[in-house]
């Protein structure tokens, strides 16, 4: 899905998750390699009708949530009943992981 785009491409087939170093070497970004990749054997690819997106008004500004969605750390902290200090540590860890490990 691409924000504000109603058309999509549907792909049918099979896939495997791979950690093969030779495959990972094909996908460097900013000097980093991914930890895994997905290899898809496409059996069928076709444009998909946009009716569902149009009916859902998914990208319509009037229908976008006005409420702030909780962060991953907030969700985890609430679920695990973590105190404020641990919740902040979790939030910092998630932010750092995104900066340091995301390629």
N, C-alpha and C. Protein backbone atom coordinates (compact mmCIF):
# COMPACT_ATOMS: atom_id res chain seq x y z
N UNK A 1 0.84 -1.18 0.00
CA UNK A 1 0.00 0.00 0.00
C UNK A 1 0.88 1.24 0.00
N UNK A 2 0.48 2.21 -0.77
CA UNK A 2 1.17 3.50 -0.81
C UNK A 2 0.16 4.55 -0.40
N UNK A 3 0.48 5.37 0.62
CA UNK A 3 -0.48 6.38 1.07
C UNK A 3 -1.00 7.23 -0.09
N UNK A 4 -2.30 7.45 -0.09
CA UNK A 4 -3.02 8.25 -1.07
C UNK A 4 -3.13 7.61 -2.45
N UNK A 5 -2.68 6.37 -2.60
CA UNK A 5 -2.82 5.65 -3.87
C UNK A 5 -3.88 4.57 -3.68
N UNK A 6 -4.86 4.55 -4.54
CA UNK A 6 -5.96 3.60 -4.39
C UNK A 6 -5.71 2.27 -5.09
N UNK A 7 -4.82 2.25 -6.06
CA UNK A 7 -4.57 1.03 -6.80
C UNK A 7 -3.48 0.21 -6.11
N UNK A 8 -3.59 -1.09 -6.21
CA UNK A 8 -2.58 -1.99 -5.67
C UNK A 8 -2.30 -3.10 -6.67
N UNK A 9 -1.24 -3.82 -6.42
CA UNK A 9 -0.91 -4.99 -7.21
C UNK A 9 -1.02 -6.19 -6.27
N UNK A 10 -1.73 -7.19 -6.70
CA UNK A 10 -1.87 -8.42 -5.90
C UNK A 10 -0.95 -9.46 -6.50
N UNK A 11 -0.22 -10.13 -5.63
CA UNK A 11 0.71 -11.17 -6.07
C UNK A 11 0.33 -12.47 -5.38
N UNK A 12 0.22 -13.53 -6.16
CA UNK A 12 -0.01 -14.87 -5.63
C UNK A 12 1.23 -15.70 -5.93
N UNK A 13 1.59 -16.55 -5.00
CA UNK A 13 2.75 -17.40 -5.18
C UNK A 13 3.20 -17.97 -3.86
N UNK A 14 4.47 -18.30 -3.78
CA UNK A 14 5.02 -18.83 -2.54
C UNK A 14 6.27 -18.04 -2.18
N UNK A 15 6.64 -18.11 -0.91
CA UNK A 15 7.79 -17.34 -0.45
C UNK A 15 8.54 -18.11 0.63
N UNK A 16 9.82 -17.78 0.76
CA UNK A 16 10.64 -18.30 1.85
C UNK A 16 11.39 -17.13 2.48
N UNK A 17 11.70 -17.26 3.75
CA UNK A 17 12.54 -16.30 4.44
C UNK A 17 13.95 -16.86 4.42
N UNK A 18 14.91 -16.03 4.03
CA UNK A 18 16.28 -16.51 3.89
C UNK A 18 17.26 -15.62 4.64
N UNK A 19 18.29 -16.25 5.20
CA UNK A 19 19.41 -15.53 5.80
C UNK A 19 20.69 -15.83 5.04
N UNK A 20 20.56 -16.32 3.82
CA UNK A 20 21.70 -16.66 2.97
C UNK A 20 22.55 -15.41 2.72
N UNK A 21 23.81 -15.40 3.17
CA UNK A 21 24.67 -14.22 3.00
C UNK A 21 24.80 -13.76 1.55
N UNK A 22 24.80 -14.70 0.61
CA UNK A 22 24.91 -14.31 -0.80
C UNK A 22 23.69 -13.51 -1.25
N UNK A 23 22.52 -13.87 -0.76
CA UNK A 23 21.31 -13.11 -1.09
C UNK A 23 21.30 -11.77 -0.38
N UNK A 24 21.65 -11.76 0.90
CA UNK A 24 21.65 -10.52 1.67
C UNK A 24 22.59 -9.48 1.08
N UNK A 25 23.70 -9.94 0.49
CA UNK A 25 24.67 -9.03 -0.14
C UNK A 25 24.05 -8.25 -1.30
N UNK A 26 22.93 -8.71 -1.84
CA UNK A 26 22.26 -8.03 -2.95
C UNK A 26 21.46 -6.80 -2.51
N UNK A 27 21.27 -6.62 -1.19
CA UNK A 27 20.36 -5.60 -0.71
C UNK A 27 20.97 -4.62 0.30
N UNK A 28 22.18 -4.11 0.04
CA UNK A 28 22.73 -3.14 1.00
C UNK A 28 22.03 -1.79 0.89
N UNK A 29 21.82 -1.17 2.03
CA UNK A 29 21.28 0.19 2.08
C UNK A 29 22.07 0.95 3.14
N UNK A 30 22.61 2.09 2.76
CA UNK A 30 23.40 2.91 3.68
C UNK A 30 24.52 2.11 4.34
N UNK A 31 25.14 1.22 3.57
CA UNK A 31 26.25 0.45 4.09
C UNK A 31 25.88 -0.69 5.01
N UNK A 32 24.59 -0.96 5.17
CA UNK A 32 24.14 -2.04 6.05
C UNK A 32 23.43 -3.11 5.24
N UNK A 33 23.57 -4.35 5.70
CA UNK A 33 22.86 -5.46 5.08
C UNK A 33 21.67 -5.84 5.96
N UNK A 34 20.61 -6.32 5.34
CA UNK A 34 19.47 -6.79 6.14
C UNK A 34 19.84 -8.08 6.88
N UNK A 35 19.08 -8.39 7.91
CA UNK A 35 19.29 -9.63 8.65
C UNK A 35 18.65 -10.82 7.95
N UNK A 36 17.65 -10.55 7.13
CA UNK A 36 16.98 -11.60 6.37
C UNK A 36 16.35 -10.97 5.14
N UNK A 37 15.93 -11.80 4.22
CA UNK A 37 15.21 -11.33 3.05
C UNK A 37 14.09 -12.33 2.74
N UNK A 38 13.15 -11.88 1.95
CA UNK A 38 12.04 -12.73 1.55
C UNK A 38 12.16 -12.98 0.05
N UNK A 39 12.22 -14.24 -0.32
CA UNK A 39 12.31 -14.63 -1.72
C UNK A 39 10.92 -15.09 -2.15
N UNK A 40 10.37 -14.40 -3.14
CA UNK A 40 9.01 -14.69 -3.59
C UNK A 40 9.04 -15.30 -4.98
N UNK A 41 8.38 -16.43 -5.13
CA UNK A 41 8.19 -17.04 -6.45
C UNK A 41 6.79 -16.63 -6.90
N UNK A 42 6.73 -15.66 -7.81
CA UNK A 42 5.46 -15.11 -8.25
C UNK A 42 4.82 -16.06 -9.26
N UNK A 43 3.61 -16.49 -8.96
CA UNK A 43 2.86 -17.33 -9.88
C UNK A 43 1.84 -16.52 -10.67
N UNK A 44 1.41 -15.42 -10.04
CA UNK A 44 0.39 -14.57 -10.68
C UNK A 44 0.52 -13.17 -10.09
N UNK A 45 0.47 -12.17 -10.96
CA UNK A 45 0.47 -10.77 -10.52
C UNK A 45 -0.59 -10.02 -11.30
N UNK A 46 -1.40 -9.25 -10.59
CA UNK A 46 -2.47 -8.54 -11.27
C UNK A 46 -2.83 -7.27 -10.54
N UNK A 47 -3.32 -6.30 -11.30
CA UNK A 47 -3.81 -5.08 -10.69
C UNK A 47 -5.06 -5.40 -9.89
N UNK A 48 -5.20 -4.77 -8.73
CA UNK A 48 -6.33 -5.06 -7.87
C UNK A 48 -7.29 -3.89 -7.86
N UNK A 49 -8.55 -4.19 -7.92
CA UNK A 49 -9.62 -3.20 -7.92
C UNK A 49 -9.53 -2.29 -6.70
N UNK A 50 -9.80 -1.01 -6.88
CA UNK A 50 -9.68 -0.04 -5.79
C UNK A 50 -11.01 0.18 -5.05
N UNK A 51 -12.04 -0.60 -5.35
CA UNK A 51 -13.35 -0.37 -4.74
C UNK A 51 -13.31 -0.39 -3.22
N UNK A 52 -12.60 -1.34 -2.64
CA UNK A 52 -12.56 -1.44 -1.17
C UNK A 52 -11.92 -0.20 -0.56
N UNK A 53 -10.84 0.29 -1.16
CA UNK A 53 -10.19 1.50 -0.64
C UNK A 53 -11.11 2.70 -0.79
N UNK A 54 -11.78 2.79 -1.93
CA UNK A 54 -12.69 3.91 -2.14
C UNK A 54 -13.84 3.88 -1.13
N UNK A 55 -14.42 2.72 -0.91
CA UNK A 55 -15.53 2.60 0.03
C UNK A 55 -15.09 2.87 1.47
N UNK A 56 -13.88 2.46 1.81
CA UNK A 56 -13.39 2.64 3.18
C UNK A 56 -12.99 4.08 3.46
N UNK A 57 -12.77 4.85 2.39
CA UNK A 57 -12.30 6.24 2.52
C UNK A 57 -11.00 6.29 3.33
N UNK A 58 -10.17 5.26 3.11
CA UNK A 58 -8.94 5.09 3.85
C UNK A 58 -8.05 6.32 3.85
N UNK A 59 -7.93 6.98 2.71
CA UNK A 59 -7.03 8.13 2.61
C UNK A 59 -7.78 9.46 2.68
N UNK A 60 -9.07 9.44 2.94
CA UNK A 60 -9.87 10.66 3.03
C UNK A 60 -9.58 11.37 4.35
N UNK A 61 -9.16 12.61 4.29
CA UNK A 61 -8.77 13.37 5.49
C UNK A 61 -9.90 13.42 6.51
N UNK A 62 -11.13 13.53 6.06
CA UNK A 62 -12.26 13.62 6.99
C UNK A 62 -12.45 12.34 7.81
N UNK A 63 -11.88 11.23 7.35
CA UNK A 63 -12.07 9.96 8.03
C UNK A 63 -10.84 9.50 8.80
N UNK A 64 -9.74 10.27 8.73
CA UNK A 64 -8.54 9.89 9.46
C UNK A 64 -8.76 10.11 10.95
N UNK A 65 -8.15 9.26 11.73
CA UNK A 65 -8.29 9.33 13.19
C UNK A 65 -7.76 10.65 13.71
N UNK A 66 -8.52 11.27 14.57
CA UNK A 66 -8.12 12.53 15.21
C UNK A 66 -7.35 12.25 16.50
N UNK A 67 -7.39 11.01 16.95
CA UNK A 67 -6.73 10.64 18.19
C UNK A 67 -5.30 10.20 17.92
N UNK A 68 -4.45 10.44 18.90
CA UNK A 68 -3.06 10.02 18.82
C UNK A 68 -2.97 8.53 19.13
N UNK A 69 -2.35 7.79 18.25
CA UNK A 69 -2.18 6.35 18.50
C UNK A 69 -1.05 6.15 19.49
N UNK A 70 -1.18 5.19 20.40
CA UNK A 70 -0.10 4.94 21.37
C UNK A 70 1.13 4.36 20.68
N UNK A 71 2.28 4.64 21.25
CA UNK A 71 3.53 4.10 20.71
C UNK A 71 3.63 2.62 21.08
N UNK A 72 4.57 1.93 20.43
CA UNK A 72 4.81 0.53 20.75
C UNK A 72 5.20 0.39 22.23
N UNK A 73 6.05 1.29 22.71
CA UNK A 73 6.46 1.25 24.12
C UNK A 73 5.26 1.44 25.05
N UNK A 74 4.35 2.34 24.70
CA UNK A 74 3.16 2.54 25.53
C UNK A 74 2.29 1.29 25.56
N UNK A 75 2.09 0.68 24.40
CA UNK A 75 1.29 -0.55 24.34
C UNK A 75 1.91 -1.65 25.18
N UNK A 76 3.23 -1.84 25.03
CA UNK A 76 3.91 -2.89 25.78
C UNK A 76 3.89 -2.59 27.28
N UNK A 77 4.13 -1.34 27.63
CA UNK A 77 4.16 -0.95 29.04
C UNK A 77 2.81 -1.17 29.71
N UNK A 78 1.75 -0.79 29.03
CA UNK A 78 0.41 -1.00 29.58
C UNK A 78 0.11 -2.49 29.74
N UNK A 79 0.47 -3.26 28.73
CA UNK A 79 0.20 -4.70 28.76
C UNK A 79 0.98 -5.39 29.87
N UNK A 80 2.23 -4.96 30.09
CA UNK A 80 3.10 -5.60 31.07
C UNK A 80 3.08 -4.91 32.44
N UNK A 81 2.27 -3.85 32.55
CA UNK A 81 2.19 -3.08 33.80
C UNK A 81 3.56 -2.57 34.24
N UNK A 82 4.32 -2.00 33.30
CA UNK A 82 5.65 -1.48 33.61
C UNK A 82 5.54 -0.10 34.26
N UNK A 83 6.48 0.20 35.15
CA UNK A 83 6.48 1.52 35.76
C UNK A 83 7.04 2.55 34.77
N UNK A 84 6.95 3.83 35.11
CA UNK A 84 7.33 4.91 34.21
C UNK A 84 8.79 4.83 33.78
N UNK A 85 9.70 4.49 34.72
CA UNK A 85 11.12 4.40 34.39
C UNK A 85 11.38 3.29 33.38
N UNK A 86 10.80 2.13 33.61
CA UNK A 86 10.98 1.01 32.69
C UNK A 86 10.33 1.32 31.35
N UNK A 87 9.20 1.98 31.37
CA UNK A 87 8.52 2.37 30.13
C UNK A 87 9.40 3.31 29.31
N UNK A 88 10.05 4.26 29.98
CA UNK A 88 10.94 5.19 29.29
C UNK A 88 12.16 4.46 28.73
N UNK A 89 12.70 3.52 29.50
CA UNK A 89 13.83 2.73 29.03
C UNK A 89 13.46 1.92 27.79
N UNK A 90 12.27 1.37 27.80
CA UNK A 90 11.78 0.62 26.65
C UNK A 90 11.63 1.54 25.44
N UNK A 91 11.04 2.72 25.65
CA UNK A 91 10.86 3.67 24.56
C UNK A 91 12.22 4.09 23.99
N UNK A 92 13.20 4.36 24.85
CA UNK A 92 14.54 4.73 24.39
C UNK A 92 15.19 3.58 23.63
N UNK A 93 15.00 2.36 24.12
CA UNK A 93 15.57 1.20 23.45
C UNK A 93 14.99 0.99 22.06
N UNK A 94 13.70 1.17 21.93
CA UNK A 94 13.05 1.02 20.61
C UNK A 94 13.56 2.10 19.66
N UNK A 95 13.66 3.34 20.14
CA UNK A 95 14.16 4.44 19.32
C UNK A 95 15.59 4.18 18.89
N UNK A 96 16.44 3.74 19.81
CA UNK A 96 17.83 3.46 19.50
C UNK A 96 17.95 2.32 18.50
N UNK A 97 17.14 1.27 18.70
CA UNK A 97 17.16 0.12 17.79
C UNK A 97 16.82 0.56 16.38
N UNK A 98 15.85 1.46 16.26
CA UNK A 98 15.47 1.96 14.94
C UNK A 98 16.62 2.70 14.29
N UNK A 99 17.33 3.52 15.07
CA UNK A 99 18.45 4.30 14.52
C UNK A 99 19.65 3.42 14.19
N UNK A 100 19.94 2.46 15.06
CA UNK A 100 21.16 1.68 14.94
C UNK A 100 21.04 0.45 14.05
N UNK A 101 19.88 -0.17 14.04
CA UNK A 101 19.76 -1.46 13.35
C UNK A 101 18.97 -1.40 12.05
N UNK A 102 18.08 -0.43 11.92
CA UNK A 102 17.28 -0.36 10.70
C UNK A 102 18.17 0.07 9.54
N UNK A 103 18.07 -0.62 8.45
CA UNK A 103 18.96 -0.26 7.35
C UNK A 103 18.24 0.52 6.29
